[in-house]
Structures are given as structure tokens and as C-alpha cells.
């Protein structure tokens, strides 16, 4: 597996997880059929691609990137789609998450592809 395909798999897992989590809000306790189906299908896709990523990268690093980027994207989707706002400390925290993902990818010797 190449470095590019590993990051494509990871990116696909992240986007699928963001779609699933966004649809989860609309499920209303899994009582709405279409949002529930979207949630289940996209979580399945997310975990499938996450498992492919784990063939080439350490679990902790993959999970850190997946969850960190996912958190930031979910916050962005929630802001745009659901009109949920974030205060200054939340934005600072999200910035630190982004910085952490960048540091891990650029400087960690654990990320060897």
C-alpha cells in the first residue's frame, strides 16, 4: 500500500464518519428510516476504510488523525448545517486539534509509510 492510498483510505474513512455522524442527529433515536440507513451505511464505509488504513499505519496515530479531523469537520458541518455556534475557547481548542494532527503527520517517526 502506498502512502497516497493510505491517506486516501483515511480521508475516505473520515468523510464517511462525518456523513454518518451528521445523519445520526436526524435519526431521532433511530426512529427515522432514511437517516438511520444513511448512518449505518456510512459508518460501515468509515470502519471499512479505517481498517484498510490500519494495515499501513499504527492504530494510535490513525485513530488520532481520524478522530481529530473528524471532530473539526463535524464542528464545521454543525455550524453550517445545524446553525450551531462555537465560542472562542472552542475555536482555540479546535485549532489545537488541527495543530496536533499537523505535528503528528510532519514530525512523528511513528508515521512511517
N, C-alpha and C. Protein backbone atom coordinates (compact mmCIF):
# COMPACT_ATOMS: atom_id res chain seq x y z
N UNK A 1 0.85 -1.17 0.00
CA UNK A 1 0.00 0.00 0.00
C UNK A 1 0.90 1.24 0.00
N UNK A 2 0.59 2.18 -0.86
CA UNK A 2 1.40 3.40 -0.94
C UNK A 2 0.93 4.41 0.09
N UNK A 3 1.78 5.40 0.33
CA UNK A 3 1.42 6.46 1.28
C UNK A 3 0.18 7.20 0.80
N UNK A 4 0.10 7.44 -0.50
CA UNK A 4 -1.06 8.15 -1.05
C UNK A 4 -2.34 7.36 -0.83
N UNK A 5 -2.31 6.07 -1.14
CA UNK A 5 -3.53 5.27 -0.96
C UNK A 5 -3.91 5.17 0.52
N UNK A 6 -2.91 5.11 1.40
CA UNK A 6 -3.21 5.07 2.83
C UNK A 6 -3.95 6.33 3.26
N UNK A 7 -3.49 7.49 2.83
CA UNK A 7 -4.15 8.73 3.19
C UNK A 7 -5.50 8.90 2.48
N UNK A 8 -5.63 8.35 1.28
CA UNK A 8 -6.93 8.36 0.60
C UNK A 8 -7.93 7.51 1.39
N UNK A 9 -7.48 6.33 1.85
CA UNK A 9 -8.34 5.47 2.68
C UNK A 9 -8.73 6.20 3.97
N UNK A 10 -7.75 6.83 4.60
CA UNK A 10 -8.03 7.53 5.85
C UNK A 10 -8.98 8.70 5.61
N UNK A 11 -8.75 9.45 4.54
CA UNK A 11 -9.64 10.57 4.20
C UNK A 11 -11.06 10.10 3.91
N UNK A 12 -11.17 8.97 3.22
CA UNK A 12 -12.49 8.40 2.93
C UNK A 12 -13.19 7.99 4.22
N UNK A 13 -12.43 7.37 5.13
CA UNK A 13 -12.99 6.97 6.43
C UNK A 13 -13.49 8.19 7.20
N UNK A 14 -12.71 9.26 7.17
CA UNK A 14 -13.09 10.49 7.90
C UNK A 14 -14.36 11.10 7.31
N UNK A 15 -14.40 11.24 6.00
CA UNK A 15 -15.58 11.84 5.35
C UNK A 15 -16.82 10.98 5.59
N UNK A 16 -16.67 9.66 5.48
CA UNK A 16 -17.82 8.77 5.72
C UNK A 16 -18.31 8.89 7.16
N UNK A 17 -17.38 9.00 8.09
CA UNK A 17 -17.76 9.14 9.51
C UNK A 17 -18.47 10.47 9.75
N UNK A 18 -18.03 11.52 9.10
CA UNK A 18 -18.68 12.84 9.25
C UNK A 18 -20.10 12.79 8.68
N UNK A 19 -20.27 12.13 7.54
CA UNK A 19 -21.61 11.99 6.95
C UNK A 19 -22.50 11.18 7.90
N UNK A 20 -21.97 10.07 8.41
CA UNK A 20 -22.74 9.21 9.31
C UNK A 20 -23.13 9.95 10.58
N UNK A 21 -22.20 10.67 11.16
CA UNK A 21 -22.49 11.40 12.40
C UNK A 21 -23.48 12.53 12.16
N UNK A 22 -23.38 13.18 11.02
CA UNK A 22 -24.33 14.24 10.67
C UNK A 22 -25.73 13.65 10.50
N UNK A 23 -25.83 12.50 9.87
CA UNK A 23 -27.12 11.85 9.69
C UNK A 23 -27.66 11.32 11.02
N UNK A 24 -26.76 10.98 11.93
CA UNK A 24 -27.17 10.46 13.23
C UNK A 24 -28.07 11.44 13.98
N UNK A 25 -27.77 12.72 13.85
CA UNK A 25 -28.59 13.74 14.52
C UNK A 25 -30.02 13.69 13.99
N UNK A 26 -30.17 13.40 12.70
CA UNK A 26 -31.50 13.38 12.09
C UNK A 26 -32.25 12.06 12.34
N UNK A 27 -31.59 11.07 12.90
CA UNK A 27 -32.23 9.76 13.14
C UNK A 27 -33.32 9.81 14.20
N UNK A 28 -33.18 10.75 15.13
CA UNK A 28 -34.11 10.89 16.26
C UNK A 28 -34.30 9.55 16.97
N UNK A 29 -33.18 9.03 17.48
CA UNK A 29 -33.21 7.77 18.22
C UNK A 29 -33.47 6.57 17.33
N UNK A 30 -33.02 6.62 16.11
CA UNK A 30 -33.20 5.56 15.10
C UNK A 30 -34.67 5.31 14.79
N UNK A 31 -35.48 6.36 14.86
CA UNK A 31 -36.90 6.23 14.52
C UNK A 31 -37.20 6.69 13.09
N UNK A 32 -36.25 7.35 12.45
CA UNK A 32 -36.41 7.80 11.07
C UNK A 32 -35.63 6.86 10.16
N UNK A 33 -36.31 6.25 9.20
CA UNK A 33 -35.71 5.18 8.39
C UNK A 33 -34.56 5.67 7.51
N UNK A 34 -34.75 6.72 6.75
CA UNK A 34 -33.71 7.15 5.81
C UNK A 34 -32.44 7.63 6.53
N UNK A 35 -32.56 8.53 7.52
CA UNK A 35 -31.33 8.93 8.22
C UNK A 35 -30.64 7.75 8.92
N UNK A 36 -31.44 6.81 9.43
CA UNK A 36 -30.86 5.63 10.07
C UNK A 36 -30.08 4.80 9.06
N UNK A 37 -30.64 4.60 7.88
CA UNK A 37 -29.95 3.84 6.83
C UNK A 37 -28.67 4.54 6.41
N UNK A 38 -28.74 5.87 6.23
CA UNK A 38 -27.55 6.64 5.86
C UNK A 38 -26.48 6.50 6.95
N UNK A 39 -26.89 6.62 8.19
CA UNK A 39 -25.95 6.49 9.32
C UNK A 39 -25.26 5.13 9.30
N UNK A 40 -26.03 4.08 9.20
CA UNK A 40 -25.46 2.73 9.24
C UNK A 40 -24.54 2.45 8.06
N UNK A 41 -24.96 2.84 6.87
CA UNK A 41 -24.15 2.60 5.67
C UNK A 41 -22.84 3.37 5.74
N UNK A 42 -22.90 4.62 6.14
CA UNK A 42 -21.67 5.42 6.16
C UNK A 42 -20.75 5.07 7.32
N UNK A 43 -21.30 4.62 8.45
CA UNK A 43 -20.41 4.10 9.50
C UNK A 43 -19.72 2.83 9.03
N UNK A 44 -20.44 1.98 8.32
CA UNK A 44 -19.83 0.76 7.76
C UNK A 44 -18.70 1.13 6.80
N UNK A 45 -18.94 2.08 5.92
CA UNK A 45 -17.90 2.55 5.00
C UNK A 45 -16.72 3.12 5.78
N UNK A 46 -17.01 3.93 6.79
CA UNK A 46 -15.95 4.55 7.59
C UNK A 46 -15.06 3.50 8.24
N UNK A 47 -15.67 2.51 8.86
CA UNK A 47 -14.88 1.50 9.55
C UNK A 47 -14.15 0.58 8.56
N UNK A 48 -14.74 0.34 7.41
CA UNK A 48 -14.05 -0.46 6.39
C UNK A 48 -12.76 0.25 5.96
N UNK A 49 -12.86 1.52 5.61
CA UNK A 49 -11.67 2.24 5.17
C UNK A 49 -10.69 2.49 6.31
N UNK A 50 -11.21 2.63 7.51
CA UNK A 50 -10.33 2.76 8.67
C UNK A 50 -9.52 1.47 8.84
N UNK A 51 -10.17 0.33 8.65
CA UNK A 51 -9.46 -0.94 8.78
C UNK A 51 -8.39 -1.09 7.71
N UNK A 52 -8.64 -0.58 6.52
CA UNK A 52 -7.62 -0.63 5.46
C UNK A 52 -6.42 0.25 5.81
N UNK A 53 -6.71 1.40 6.40
CA UNK A 53 -5.64 2.31 6.82
C UNK A 53 -4.76 1.66 7.88
N UNK A 54 -5.37 0.88 8.76
CA UNK A 54 -4.62 0.25 9.86
C UNK A 54 -3.63 -0.81 9.37
N UNK A 55 -3.73 -1.20 8.12
CA UNK A 55 -2.75 -2.14 7.57
C UNK A 55 -1.38 -1.47 7.40
N UNK A 56 -1.37 -0.14 7.30
CA UNK A 56 -0.13 0.56 6.99
C UNK A 56 0.33 1.54 8.07
N UNK A 57 -0.56 1.91 8.98
CA UNK A 57 -0.20 2.90 10.00
C UNK A 57 -0.54 2.38 11.38
N UNK A 58 0.16 2.85 12.42
CA UNK A 58 -0.14 2.42 13.79
C UNK A 58 -1.54 2.87 14.23
N UNK A 59 -2.18 2.04 15.02
CA UNK A 59 -3.55 2.29 15.46
C UNK A 59 -3.71 3.64 16.15
N UNK A 60 -2.82 3.97 17.07
CA UNK A 60 -2.93 5.23 17.81
C UNK A 60 -2.84 6.45 16.91
N UNK A 61 -1.94 6.39 15.95
CA UNK A 61 -1.77 7.51 15.02
C UNK A 61 -3.00 7.64 14.13
N UNK A 62 -3.46 6.52 13.59
CA UNK A 62 -4.65 6.54 12.73
C UNK A 62 -5.85 7.08 13.49
N UNK A 63 -6.05 6.57 14.69
CA UNK A 63 -7.21 7.00 15.46
C UNK A 63 -7.11 8.47 15.84
N UNK A 64 -5.91 8.92 16.17
CA UNK A 64 -5.72 10.34 16.49
C UNK A 64 -6.06 11.24 15.33
N UNK A 65 -5.59 10.88 14.15
CA UNK A 65 -5.89 11.68 12.95
C UNK A 65 -7.37 11.61 12.63
N UNK A 66 -7.91 10.39 12.63
CA UNK A 66 -9.32 10.16 12.28
C UNK A 66 -10.24 10.93 13.22
N UNK A 67 -10.01 10.81 14.50
CA UNK A 67 -10.90 11.48 15.45
C UNK A 67 -10.67 12.99 15.45
N UNK A 68 -9.42 13.43 15.36
CA UNK A 68 -9.14 14.87 15.37
C UNK A 68 -9.73 15.60 14.18
N UNK A 69 -9.47 15.08 13.00
CA UNK A 69 -10.01 15.72 11.79
C UNK A 69 -11.53 15.58 11.77
N UNK A 70 -12.02 14.43 12.23
CA UNK A 70 -13.47 14.24 12.29
C UNK A 70 -14.15 15.23 13.20
N UNK A 71 -13.55 15.50 14.36
CA UNK A 71 -14.10 16.48 15.30
C UNK A 71 -14.20 17.86 14.65
N UNK A 72 -13.13 18.27 14.00
CA UNK A 72 -13.12 19.59 13.37
C UNK A 72 -14.16 19.66 12.25
N UNK A 73 -14.24 18.61 11.43
CA UNK A 73 -15.21 18.63 10.33
C UNK A 73 -16.65 18.58 10.84
N UNK A 74 -16.90 17.78 11.88
CA UNK A 74 -18.25 17.73 12.46
C UNK A 74 -18.64 19.10 13.01
N UNK A 75 -17.71 19.78 13.64
CA UNK A 75 -18.00 21.13 14.14
C UNK A 75 -18.33 22.07 12.99
N UNK A 76 -17.60 21.95 11.88
CA UNK A 76 -17.87 22.79 10.72
C UNK A 76 -19.24 22.48 10.12
N UNK A 77 -19.55 21.21 9.99
CA UNK A 77 -20.86 20.80 9.46
C UNK A 77 -21.97 21.27 10.39
N UNK A 78 -21.76 21.11 11.68
CA UNK A 78 -22.78 21.54 12.66
C UNK A 78 -23.00 23.05 12.60
N UNK A 79 -21.93 23.80 12.36
CA UNK A 79 -22.04 25.25 12.26
C UNK A 79 -22.84 25.64 11.01
N UNK A 80 -22.52 25.01 9.87
CA UNK A 80 -23.17 25.36 8.60
C UNK A 80 -24.57 24.76 8.51
N UNK A 81 -24.68 23.47 8.77
CA UNK A 81 -25.92 22.74 8.53
C UNK A 81 -26.95 22.92 9.65
N UNK A 82 -26.48 22.80 10.90
CA UNK A 82 -27.40 22.83 12.04
C UNK A 82 -27.42 24.18 12.76
N UNK A 83 -26.66 25.15 12.24
CA UNK A 83 -26.61 26.51 12.81
C UNK A 83 -26.15 26.53 14.27
N UNK A 84 -25.27 25.58 14.63
CA UNK A 84 -24.72 25.55 15.98
C UNK A 84 -23.46 26.41 16.01
N UNK A 85 -23.35 27.26 17.03
CA UNK A 85 -22.21 28.16 17.10
C UNK A 85 -21.17 27.66 18.09
N UNK A 86 -19.95 28.14 17.90
CA UNK A 86 -18.83 27.80 18.79
C UNK A 86 -18.27 29.09 19.37
N UNK A 87 -17.96 29.06 20.66
CA UNK A 87 -17.35 30.24 21.28
C UNK A 87 -15.83 30.21 21.06
N UNK A 88 -15.19 31.27 21.52
CA UNK A 88 -13.75 31.42 21.30
C UNK A 88 -12.93 30.27 21.87
N UNK A 89 -13.18 29.83 23.12
CA UNK A 89 -12.40 28.70 23.63
C UNK A 89 -12.58 27.43 22.80
N UNK A 90 -13.78 27.19 22.28
CA UNK A 90 -14.00 26.02 21.42
C UNK A 90 -13.18 26.14 20.14
N UNK A 91 -13.15 27.33 19.56
CA UNK A 91 -12.37 27.54 18.33
C UNK A 91 -10.87 27.37 18.59
N UNK A 92 -10.39 27.85 19.73
CA UNK A 92 -8.98 27.66 20.10
C UNK A 92 -8.68 26.17 20.24
N UNK A 93 -9.56 25.46 20.94
CA UNK A 93 -9.38 24.02 21.10
C UNK A 93 -9.34 23.29 19.78
N UNK A 94 -10.23 23.65 18.86
CA UNK A 94 -10.24 23.03 17.54
C UNK A 94 -8.95 23.35 16.78
N UNK A 95 -8.47 24.58 16.94
CA UNK A 95 -7.20 24.95 16.32
C UNK A 95 -6.06 24.10 16.86
N UNK A 96 -6.08 23.82 18.15
CA UNK A 96 -5.04 22.98 18.75
C UNK A 96 -5.14 21.54 18.24
N UNK A 97 -6.36 21.06 18.01
CA UNK A 97 -6.52 19.73 17.43
C UNK A 97 -5.90 19.68 16.05
N UNK A 98 -6.19 20.68 15.24
CA UNK A 98 -5.61 20.75 13.89
C UNK A 98 -4.09 20.80 13.97
N UNK A 99 -3.58 21.63 14.86
CA UNK A 99 -2.13 21.73 15.04
C UNK A 99 -1.54 20.38 15.45
N UNK A 100 -2.22 19.68 16.33
CA UNK A 100 -1.75 18.37 16.77
C UNK A 100 -1.69 17.37 15.63
N UNK A 101 -2.70 17.35 14.79
CA UNK A 101 -2.71 16.44 13.63
C UNK A 101 -1.56 16.79 12.69
N UNK A 102 -1.32 18.07 12.48
CA UNK A 102 -0.22 18.50 11.61
C UNK A 102 1.12 18.08 12.19
N UNK A 103 1.32 18.29 13.48
CA UNK A 103 2.59 17.93 14.14
C UNK A 103 2.83 16.43 14.02
N UNK A 104 1.81 15.64 14.29
CA UNK A 104 1.96 14.18 14.20
C UNK A 104 2.36 13.77 12.78
N UNK A 105 1.70 14.32 11.79
CA UNK A 105 1.98 13.93 10.41
C UNK A 105 3.34 14.41 9.91
N UNK A 106 3.76 15.58 10.35
CA UNK A 106 5.02 16.13 9.84
C UNK A 106 6.24 15.65 10.62
N UNK A 107 6.10 15.42 11.91
CA UNK A 107 7.29 15.21 12.73
C UNK A 107 7.37 13.85 13.43
N UNK A 108 6.30 13.13 13.54
CA UNK A 108 6.33 11.86 14.26
C UNK A 108 7.01 10.78 13.43
N UNK A 109 7.92 10.06 14.05
CA UNK A 109 8.58 8.94 13.39
C UNK A 109 7.66 7.71 13.42
N UNK A 110 6.54 7.80 14.13
CA UNK A 110 5.56 6.72 14.16
C UNK A 110 4.81 6.59 12.85
N UNK A 111 4.74 7.69 12.09
CA UNK A 111 4.06 7.67 10.81
C UNK A 111 5.09 7.31 9.74
N UNK A 112 5.26 6.04 9.54
CA UNK A 112 6.19 5.56 8.52
C UNK A 112 5.43 4.76 7.49
N UNK A 113 5.38 5.26 6.29
CA UNK A 113 4.63 4.58 5.23
C UNK A 113 5.58 4.10 4.15
